[in-house]
């Protein structure tokens, strides 16, 4: 995947929200925090394979819609189990 990809759908994403996009054949959870900063993470929760893009964003974390685990938007790390993390993209 290239370091930078223009994503026109991002303009429709409100703050504290997430959505699923496909970039170069890869499912990505695109998230926007309360400050309007965008983050791109892998779209599958490592715990139960929930689609992260269908979850919510709160306090700098994206929340899995299946079971409520959350992941830091910047690092992809879960406070529940640091080895269960989401891949982050620049």
PDB file of N, CA and C in Angstrom:
ATOM      1  N   UNK A   1       0.841  -1.165   0.000  1.00  0.00           N
ATOM      2  CA  UNK A   1       0.000   0.000   0.000  1.00  0.00           C
ATOM      3  C   UNK A   1       0.893   1.238   0.000  1.00  0.00           C
ATOM      4  N   UNK A   2       0.509   2.218  -0.790  1.00  0.00           N
ATOM      5  CA  UNK A   2       1.277   3.457  -0.870  1.00  0.00           C
ATOM      6  C   UNK A   2       1.203   4.200   0.461  1.00  0.00           C
ATOM      7  N   UNK A   3       2.154   5.085   0.689  1.00  0.00           N
ATOM      8  CA  UNK A   3       2.170   5.849   1.934  1.00  0.00           C
ATOM      9  C   UNK A   3       1.007   6.827   2.033  1.00  0.00           C
ATOM     10  N   UNK A   4       0.500   7.292   0.907  1.00  0.00           N
ATOM     11  CA  UNK A   4      -0.578   8.270   0.941  1.00  0.00           C
ATOM     12  C   UNK A   4      -1.562   7.954  -0.167  1.00  0.00           C
ATOM     13  N   UNK A   5      -2.833   7.867   0.183  1.00  0.00           N
ATOM     14  CA  UNK A   5      -3.895   7.627  -0.783  1.00  0.00           C
ATOM     15  C   UNK A   5      -5.008   8.618  -0.516  1.00  0.00           C
ATOM     16  N   UNK A   6      -5.436   9.321  -1.553  1.00  0.00           N
ATOM     17  CA  UNK A   6      -6.544  10.251  -1.422  1.00  0.00           C
ATOM     18  C   UNK A   6      -7.839   9.454  -1.275  1.00  0.00           C
ATOM     19  N   UNK A   7      -8.634   9.781  -0.269  1.00  0.00           N
ATOM     20  CA  UNK A   7      -9.881   9.067  -0.001  1.00  0.00           C
ATOM     21  C   UNK A   7     -11.022  10.086  -0.001  1.00  0.00           C
ATOM     22  N   UNK A   8     -11.712  10.232  -1.136  1.00  0.00           N
ATOM     23  CA  UNK A   8     -12.783  11.231  -1.215  1.00  0.00           C
ATOM     24  C   UNK A   8     -13.886  11.021  -0.175  1.00  0.00           C
ATOM     25  N   UNK A   9     -14.160   9.759   0.202  1.00  0.00           N
ATOM     26  CA  UNK A   9     -15.207   9.467   1.185  1.00  0.00           C
ATOM     27  C   UNK A   9     -14.931  10.108   2.537  1.00  0.00           C
ATOM     28  N   UNK A  10     -13.682  10.423   2.813  1.00  0.00           N
ATOM     29  CA  UNK A  10     -13.303  10.981   4.117  1.00  0.00           C
ATOM     30  C   UNK A  10     -14.024  12.292   4.404  1.00  0.00           C
ATOM     31  N   UNK A  11     -14.358  13.041   3.373  1.00  0.00           N
ATOM     32  CA  UNK A  11     -15.031  14.326   3.578  1.00  0.00           C
ATOM     33  C   UNK A  11     -16.395  14.162   4.243  1.00  0.00           C
ATOM     34  N   UNK A  12     -17.033  13.003   4.055  1.00  0.00           N
ATOM     35  CA  UNK A  12     -18.362  12.756   4.620  1.00  0.00           C
ATOM     36  C   UNK A  12     -18.311  12.251   6.058  1.00  0.00           C
ATOM     37  N   UNK A  13     -17.130  11.949   6.554  1.00  0.00           N
ATOM     38  CA  UNK A  13     -16.997  11.362   7.891  1.00  0.00           C
ATOM     39  C   UNK A  13     -17.034  12.455   8.956  1.00  0.00           C
ATOM     40  N   UNK A  14     -18.000  12.363   9.859  1.00  0.00           N
ATOM     41  CA  UNK A  14     -18.090  13.354  10.932  1.00  0.00           C
ATOM     42  C   UNK A  14     -17.066  13.048  12.023  1.00  0.00           C
ATOM     43  N   UNK A  15     -16.901  13.976  12.945  1.00  0.00           N
ATOM     44  CA  UNK A  15     -15.960  13.738  14.041  1.00  0.00           C
ATOM     45  C   UNK A  15     -16.507  12.655  14.961  1.00  0.00           C
ATOM     46  N   UNK A  16     -15.595  11.979  15.665  1.00  0.00           N
ATOM     47  CA  UNK A  16     -15.934  10.855  16.540  1.00  0.00           C
ATOM     48  C   UNK A  16     -16.742   9.788  15.804  1.00  0.00           C
ATOM     49  N   UNK A  17     -16.276   9.448  14.589  1.00  0.00           N
ATOM     50  CA  UNK A  17     -16.974   8.454  13.777  1.00  0.00           C
ATOM     51  C   UNK A  17     -15.963   7.593  13.028  1.00  0.00           C
ATOM     52  N   UNK A  18     -16.458   6.480  12.490  1.00  0.00           N
ATOM     53  CA  UNK A  18     -15.619   5.597  11.685  1.00  0.00           C
ATOM     54  C   UNK A  18     -16.432   5.055  10.522  1.00  0.00           C
ATOM     55  N   UNK A  19     -15.730   4.585   9.504  1.00  0.00           N
ATOM     56  CA  UNK A  19     -16.367   3.990   8.342  1.00  0.00           C
ATOM     57  C   UNK A  19     -15.399   2.990   7.729  1.00  0.00           C
ATOM     58  N   UNK A  20     -15.924   2.106   6.902  1.00  0.00           N
ATOM     59  CA  UNK A  20     -15.093   1.134   6.212  1.00  0.00           C
ATOM     60  C   UNK A  20     -14.862   1.599   4.787  1.00  0.00           C
ATOM     61  N   UNK A  21     -13.611   1.547   4.353  1.00  0.00           N
ATOM     62  CA  UNK A  21     -13.258   1.859   2.970  1.00  0.00           C
ATOM     63  C   UNK A  21     -12.343   0.748   2.464  1.00  0.00           C
ATOM     64  N   UNK A  22     -12.194   0.666   1.155  1.00  0.00           N
ATOM     65  CA  UNK A  22     -11.265  -0.282   0.550  1.00  0.00           C
ATOM     66  C   UNK A  22     -10.215   0.527  -0.195  1.00  0.00           C
ATOM     67  N   UNK A  23      -8.961   0.302   0.150  1.00  0.00           N
ATOM     68  CA  UNK A  23      -7.847   0.999  -0.489  1.00  0.00           C
ATOM     69  C   UNK A  23      -6.914  -0.050  -1.070  1.00  0.00           C
ATOM     70  N   UNK A  24      -6.756  -0.024  -2.379  1.00  0.00           N
ATOM     71  CA  UNK A  24      -5.889  -0.986  -3.068  1.00  0.00           C
ATOM     72  C   UNK A  24      -6.197  -2.423  -2.660  1.00  0.00           C
ATOM     73  N   UNK A  25      -7.490  -2.749  -2.531  1.00  0.00           N
ATOM     74  CA  UNK A  25      -7.907  -4.103  -2.199  1.00  0.00           C
ATOM     75  C   UNK A  25      -7.852  -4.463  -0.727  1.00  0.00           C
ATOM     76  N   UNK A  26      -7.513  -3.518   0.134  1.00  0.00           N
ATOM     77  CA  UNK A  26      -7.410  -3.771   1.573  1.00  0.00           C
ATOM     78  C   UNK A  26      -8.541  -3.069   2.316  1.00  0.00           C
ATOM     79  N   UNK A  27      -9.274  -3.817   3.163  1.00  0.00           N
ATOM     80  CA  UNK A  27     -10.313  -3.214   4.006  1.00  0.00           C
ATOM     81  C   UNK A  27      -9.656  -2.378   5.095  1.00  0.00           C
ATOM     82  N   UNK A  28     -10.072  -1.139   5.185  1.00  0.00           N
ATOM     83  CA  UNK A  28      -9.508  -0.186   6.140  1.00  0.00           C
ATOM     84  C   UNK A  28     -10.645   0.426   6.957  1.00  0.00           C
ATOM     85  N   UNK A  29     -10.417   0.596   8.250  1.00  0.00           N
ATOM     86  CA  UNK A  29     -11.319   1.379   9.090  1.00  0.00           C
ATOM     87  C   UNK A  29     -10.771   2.800   9.107  1.00  0.00           C
ATOM     88  N   UNK A  30     -11.515   3.719   8.535  1.00  0.00           N
ATOM     89  CA  UNK A  30     -11.130   5.124   8.547  1.00  0.00           C
ATOM     90  C   UNK A  30     -11.863   5.778   9.702  1.00  0.00           C
ATOM     91  N   UNK A  31     -11.124   6.391  10.604  1.00  0.00           N
ATOM     92  CA  UNK A  31     -11.696   6.982  11.812  1.00  0.00           C
ATOM     93  C   UNK A  31     -11.324   8.455  11.882  1.00  0.00           C
ATOM     94  N   UNK A  32     -12.191   9.215  12.533  1.00  0.00           N
ATOM     95  CA  UNK A  32     -11.931  10.641  12.738  1.00  0.00           C
ATOM     96  C   UNK A  32     -12.210  10.959  14.200  1.00  0.00           C
ATOM     97  N   UNK A  33     -11.224  11.552  14.861  1.00  0.00           N
ATOM     98  CA  UNK A  33     -11.399  11.837  16.287  1.00  0.00           C
ATOM     99  C   UNK A  33     -12.113  13.167  16.515  1.00  0.00           C
ATOM    100  N   UNK A  34     -12.284  13.521  17.777  1.00  0.00           N
ATOM    101  CA  UNK A  34     -13.021  14.738  18.134  1.00  0.00           C
ATOM    102  C   UNK A  34     -12.346  16.016  17.656  1.00  0.00           C
ATOM    103  N   UNK A  35     -11.038  15.944  17.363  1.00  0.00           N
ATOM    104  CA  UNK A  35     -10.312  17.103  16.850  1.00  0.00           C
ATOM    105  C   UNK A  35     -10.301  17.152  15.326  1.00  0.00           C
ATOM    106  N   UNK A  36     -10.950  16.180  14.679  1.00  0.00           N
ATOM    107  CA  UNK A  36     -11.014  16.149  13.224  1.00  0.00           C
ATOM    108  C   UNK A  36      -9.834  15.460  12.562  1.00  0.00           C
ATOM    109  N   UNK A  37      -8.973  14.822  13.343  1.00  0.00           N
ATOM    110  CA  UNK A  37      -7.807  14.124  12.795  1.00  0.00           C
ATOM    111  C   UNK A  37      -8.232  12.737  12.327  1.00  0.00           C
ATOM    112  N   UNK A  38      -7.768  12.364  11.130  1.00  0.00           N
ATOM    113  CA  UNK A  38      -8.106  11.067  10.541  1.00  0.00           C
ATOM    114  C   UNK A  38      -7.065  10.015  10.909  1.00  0.00           C
ATOM    115  N   UNK A  39      -7.537   8.769  11.061  1.00  0.00           N
ATOM    116  CA  UNK A  39      -6.677   7.620  11.334  1.00  0.00           C
ATOM    117  C   UNK A  39      -7.155   6.463  10.468  1.00  0.00           C
ATOM    118  N   UNK A  40      -6.214   5.659   9.995  1.00  0.00           N
ATOM    119  CA  UNK A  40      -6.540   4.474   9.206  1.00  0.00           C
ATOM    120  C   UNK A  40      -5.971   3.249   9.916  1.00  0.00           C
ATOM    121  N   UNK A  41      -6.831   2.273  10.145  1.00  0.00           N
ATOM    122  CA  UNK A  41      -6.436   1.051  10.855  1.00  0.00           C
ATOM    123  C   UNK A  41      -6.998  -0.161  10.118  1.00  0.00           C
ATOM    124  N   UNK A  42      -6.438  -1.327  10.411  1.00  0.00           N
ATOM    125  CA  UNK A  42      -7.005  -2.544   9.837  1.00  0.00           C
ATOM    126  C   UNK A  42      -8.455  -2.664  10.296  1.00  0.00           C
ATOM    127  N   UNK A  43      -9.294  -3.222   9.440  1.00  0.00           N
ATOM    128  CA  UNK A  43     -10.729  -3.216   9.694  1.00  0.00           C
ATOM    129  C   UNK A  43     -11.229  -4.421  10.483  1.00  0.00           C
ATOM    130  N   UNK A  44     -10.396  -5.366  10.809  1.00  0.00           N
ATOM    131  CA  UNK A  44     -10.837  -6.570  11.524  1.00  0.00           C
ATOM    132  C   UNK A  44     -10.271  -6.613  12.936  1.00  0.00           C
ATOM    133  N   UNK A  45     -11.162  -6.713  13.900  1.00  0.00           N
ATOM    134  CA  UNK A  45     -10.744  -6.843  15.293  1.00  0.00           C
ATOM    135  C   UNK A  45     -10.022  -8.176  15.469  1.00  0.00           C
ATOM    136  N   UNK A  46      -8.847  -8.185  16.078  1.00  0.00           N
ATOM    137  CA  UNK A  46      -8.110  -9.435  16.254  1.00  0.00           C
ATOM    138  C   UNK A  46      -8.756 -10.376  17.275  1.00  0.00           C
ATOM    139  N   UNK A  47      -9.673  -9.868  18.062  1.00  0.00           N
ATOM    140  CA  UNK A  47     -10.315 -10.690  19.095  1.00  0.00           C
ATOM    141  C   UNK A  47     -11.446 -11.546  18.521  1.00  0.00           C
ATOM    142  N   UNK A  48     -12.402 -10.919  17.824  1.00  0.00           N
ATOM    143  CA  UNK A  48     -13.552 -11.662  17.297  1.00  0.00           C
ATOM    144  C   UNK A  48     -13.867 -11.308  15.851  1.00  0.00           C
ATOM    145  N   UNK A  49     -12.940 -10.664  15.180  1.00  0.00           N
ATOM    146  CA  UNK A  49     -13.036 -10.336  13.753  1.00  0.00           C
ATOM    147  C   UNK A  49     -14.175  -9.382  13.407  1.00  0.00           C
ATOM    148  N   UNK A  50     -14.607  -8.574  14.367  1.00  0.00           N
ATOM    149  CA  UNK A  50     -15.614  -7.559  14.086  1.00  0.00           C
ATOM    150  C   UNK A  50     -15.066  -6.510  13.134  1.00  0.00           C
ATOM    151  N   UNK A  51     -15.957  -5.877  12.384  1.00  0.00           N
ATOM    152  CA  UNK A  51     -15.550  -4.816  11.463  1.00  0.00           C
ATOM    153  C   UNK A  51     -15.423  -3.509  12.236  1.00  0.00           C
ATOM    154  N   UNK A  52     -14.197  -3.105  12.442  1.00  0.00           N
ATOM    155  CA  UNK A  52     -13.889  -1.916  13.236  1.00  0.00           C
ATOM    156  C   UNK A  52     -14.550  -0.666  12.655  1.00  0.00           C
ATOM    157  N   UNK A  53     -14.646  -0.579  11.337  1.00  0.00           N
ATOM    158  CA  UNK A  53     -15.261   0.578  10.695  1.00  0.00           C
ATOM    159  C   UNK A  53     -16.730   0.750  11.023  1.00  0.00           C
ATOM    160  N   UNK A  54     -17.366  -0.290  11.557  1.00  0.00           N
ATOM    161  CA  UNK A  54     -18.769  -0.207  11.966  1.00  0.00           C
ATOM    162  C   UNK A  54     -18.917   0.210  13.424  1.00  0.00           C
ATOM    163  N   UNK A  55     -17.799   0.395  14.113  1.00  0.00           N
ATOM    164  CA  UNK A  55     -17.828   0.779  15.523  1.00  0.00           C
ATOM    165  C   UNK A  55     -17.845   2.283  15.693  1.00  0.00           C
ATOM    166  N   UNK A  56     -17.775   2.712  16.905  1.00  0.00           N
ATOM    167  CA  UNK A  56     -17.758   4.134  17.205  1.00  0.00           C
ATOM    168  C   UNK A  56     -16.371   4.605  17.596  1.00  0.00           C
ATOM    169  N   UNK A  57     -16.227   5.910  17.715  1.00  0.00           N
ATOM    170  CA  UNK A  57     -14.970   6.524  18.142  1.00  0.00           C
ATOM    171  C   UNK A  57     -15.267   7.364  19.376  1.00  0.00           C
ATOM    172  N   UNK A  58     -14.443   7.172  20.402  1.00  0.00           N
ATOM    173  CA  UNK A  58     -14.655   7.898  21.652  1.00  0.00           C
ATOM    174  C   UNK A  58     -13.333   8.043  22.392  1.00  0.00           C
ATOM    175  N   UNK A  59     -13.021   9.258  22.815  1.00  0.00           N
ATOM    176  CA  UNK A  59     -11.818   9.527  23.612  1.00  0.00           C
ATOM    177  C   UNK A  59     -10.540   8.977  22.981  1.00  0.00           C
ATOM    178  N   UNK A  60     -10.389   9.157  21.679  1.00  0.00           N
ATOM    179  CA  UNK A  60      -9.165   8.727  20.999  1.00  0.00           C
ATOM    180  C   UNK A  60      -9.066   7.237  20.770  1.00  0.00           C
ATOM    181  N   UNK A  61     -10.198   6.541  20.879  1.00  0.00           N
ATOM    182  CA  UNK A  61     -10.211   5.087  20.678  1.00  0.00           C
ATOM    183  C   UNK A  61     -11.350   4.708  19.734  1.00  0.00           C
ATOM    184  N   UNK A  62     -11.131   3.652  18.960  1.00  0.00           N
ATOM    185  CA  UNK A  62     -12.193   3.092  18.135  1.00  0.00           C
ATOM    186  C   UNK A  62     -12.702   1.845  18.854  1.00  0.00           C
ATOM    187  N   UNK A  63     -14.006   1.653  18.837  1.00  0.00           N
ATOM    188  CA  UNK A  63     -14.637   0.592  19.619  1.00  0.00           C
ATOM    189  C   UNK A  63     -15.190  -0.479  18.688  1.00  0.00           C
ATOM    190  N   UNK A  64     -14.834  -1.737  18.953  1.00  0.00           N
ATOM    191  CA  UNK A  64     -15.343  -2.854  18.162  1.00  0.00           C
ATOM    192  C   UNK A  64     -16.846  -2.989  18.403  1.00  0.00           C
ATOM    193  N   UNK A  65     -17.650  -3.075  17.329  1.00  0.00           N
ATOM    194  CA  UNK A  65     -19.095  -3.173  17.512  1.00  0.00           C
ATOM    195  C   UNK A  65     -19.566  -4.538  18.024  1.00  0.00           C
ATOM    196  N   UNK A  66     -18.726  -5.559  17.958  1.00  0.00           N
ATOM    197  CA  UNK A  66     -19.152  -6.890  18.400  1.00  0.00           C
ATOM    198  C   UNK A  66     -19.098  -7.079  19.908  1.00  0.00           C
ATOM    199  N   UNK A  67     -18.043  -6.562  20.530  1.00  0.00           N
ATOM    200  CA  UNK A  67     -17.863  -6.888  21.944  1.00  0.00           C
ATOM    201  C   UNK A  67     -17.353  -5.726  22.791  1.00  0.00           C
ATOM    202  N   UNK A  68     -17.170  -4.567  22.182  1.00  0.00           N
ATOM    203  CA  UNK A  68     -16.821  -3.381  22.950  1.00  0.00           C
ATOM    204  C   UNK A  68     -15.354  -3.164  23.261  1.00  0.00           C
ATOM    205  N   UNK A  69     -14.477  -4.067  22.792  1.00  0.00           N
ATOM    206  CA  UNK A  69     -13.056  -3.783  22.994  1.00  0.00           C
ATOM    207  C   UNK A  69     -12.724  -2.498  22.258  1.00  0.00           C
ATOM    208  N   UNK A  70     -11.791  -1.729  22.792  1.00  0.00           N
ATOM    209  CA  UNK A  70     -11.384  -0.509  22.104  1.00  0.00           C
ATOM    210  C   UNK A  70      -9.891  -0.541  21.813  1.00  0.00           C
ATOM    211  N   UNK A  71      -9.516   0.270  20.832  1.00  0.00           N
ATOM    212  CA  UNK A  71      -8.141   0.322  20.346  1.00  0.00           C
ATOM    213  C   UNK A  71      -7.738   1.777  20.175  1.00  0.00           C
ATOM    214  N   UNK A  72      -6.535   2.107  20.602  1.00  0.00           N
ATOM    215  CA  UNK A  72      -6.001   3.456  20.477  1.00  0.00           C
ATOM    216  C   UNK A  72      -5.882   3.811  18.999  1.00  0.00           C
ATOM    217  N   UNK A  73      -6.416   4.960  18.615  1.00  0.00           N
ATOM    218  CA  UNK A  73      -6.377   5.367  17.210  1.00  0.00           C
ATOM    219  C   UNK A  73      -4.950   5.563  16.699  1.00  0.00           C
ATOM    220  N   UNK A  74      -4.055   6.030  17.544  1.00  0.00           N
ATOM    221  CA  UNK A  74      -2.681   6.311  17.115  1.00  0.00           C
ATOM    222  C   UNK A  74      -1.830   5.059  16.993  1.00  0.00           C
ATOM    223  N   UNK A  75      -2.011   4.119  17.924  1.00  0.00           N
ATOM    224  CA  UNK A  75      -1.119   2.957  17.979  1.00  0.00           C
ATOM    225  C   UNK A  75      -1.780   1.644  17.572  1.00  0.00           C
ATOM    226  N   UNK A  76      -3.111   1.583  17.625  1.00  0.00           N
ATOM    227  CA  UNK A  76      -3.828   0.347  17.352  1.00  0.00           C
ATOM    228  C   UNK A  76      -3.829  -0.627  18.518  1.00  0.00           C
ATOM    229  N   UNK A  77      -3.238  -0.247  19.642  1.00  0.00           N
ATOM    230  CA  UNK A  77      -3.114  -1.141  20.795  1.00  0.00           C
ATOM    231  C   UNK A  77      -4.400  -1.133  21.627  1.00  0.00           C
ATOM    232  N   UNK A  78      -4.790  -2.317  22.091  1.00  0.00           N
ATOM    233  CA  UNK A  78      -5.941  -2.456  22.976  1.00  0.00           C
ATOM    234  C   UNK A  78      -5.465  -2.474  24.426  1.00  0.00           C
ATOM    235  N   UNK A  79      -6.127  -1.739  25.316  1.00  0.00           N
ATOM    236  CA  UNK A  79      -5.733  -1.786  26.726  1.00  0.00           C
ATOM    237  C   UNK A  79      -6.077  -3.125  27.378  1.00  0.00           C
ATOM    238  N   UNK A  80      -6.946  -3.893  26.754  1.00  0.00           N
ATOM    239  CA  UNK A  80      -7.345  -5.189  27.313  1.00  0.00           C
ATOM    240  C   UNK A  80      -6.265  -6.236  27.126  1.00  0.00           C
ATOM    241  N   UNK A  81      -5.595  -6.175  25.985  1.00  0.00           N
ATOM    242  CA  UNK A  81      -4.526  -7.119  25.687  1.00  0.00           C
ATOM    243  C   UNK A  81      -3.612  -6.467  24.654  1.00  0.00           C
ATOM    244  N   UNK A  82      -2.490  -5.906  25.066  1.00  0.00           N
ATOM    245  CA  UNK A  82      -1.607  -5.186  24.142  1.00  0.00           C
ATOM    246  C   UNK A  82      -1.131  -6.010  22.946  1.00  0.00           C
ATOM    247  N   UNK A  83      -1.162  -7.335  23.053  1.00  0.00           N
ATOM    248  CA  UNK A  83      -0.738  -8.141  21.902  1.00  0.00           C
ATOM    249  C   UNK A  83      -1.840  -8.224  20.845  1.00  0.00           C
ATOM    250  N   UNK A  84      -3.084  -7.902  21.217  1.00  0.00           N
ATOM    251  CA  UNK A  84      -4.181  -7.807  20.254  1.00  0.00           C
ATOM    252  C   UNK A  84      -4.247  -6.366  19.782  1.00  0.00           C
ATOM    253  N   UNK A  85      -3.655  -6.122  18.642  1.00  0.00           N
ATOM    254  CA  UNK A  85      -3.600  -4.745  18.158  1.00  0.00           C
ATOM    255  C   UNK A  85      -4.023  -4.685  16.710  1.00  0.00           C
ATOM    256  N   UNK A  86      -4.428  -3.514  16.302  1.00  0.00           N
ATOM    257  CA  UNK A  86      -4.788  -3.269  14.914  1.00  0.00           C
ATOM    258  C   UNK A  86      -3.590  -2.681  14.186  1.00  0.00           C
ATOM    259  N   UNK A  87      -3.410  -3.085  12.946  1.00  0.00           N
ATOM    260  CA  UNK A  87      -2.370  -2.463  12.130  1.00  0.00           C
ATOM    261  C   UNK A  87      -2.795  -1.029  11.841  1.00  0.00           C
ATOM    262  N   UNK A  88      -1.867  -0.111  11.922  1.00  0.00           N
ATOM    263  CA  UNK A  88      -2.145   1.281  11.587  1.00  0.00           C
ATOM    264  C   UNK A  88      -1.480   1.614  10.265  1.00  0.00           C
ATOM    265  N   UNK A  89      -2.081   2.551   9.540  1.00  0.00           N
ATOM    266  CA  UNK A  89      -1.562   2.982   8.247  1.00  0.00           C
ATOM    267  C   UNK A  89      -1.301   4.480   8.298  1.00  0.00           C
ATOM    268  N   UNK A  90      -0.248   4.926   7.614  1.00  0.00           N
ATOM    269  CA  UNK A  90       0.067   6.365   7.632  1.00  0.00           C
ATOM    270  C   UNK A  90      -0.986   7.195   6.915  1.00  0.00           C
TER     271      UNK A  90
END
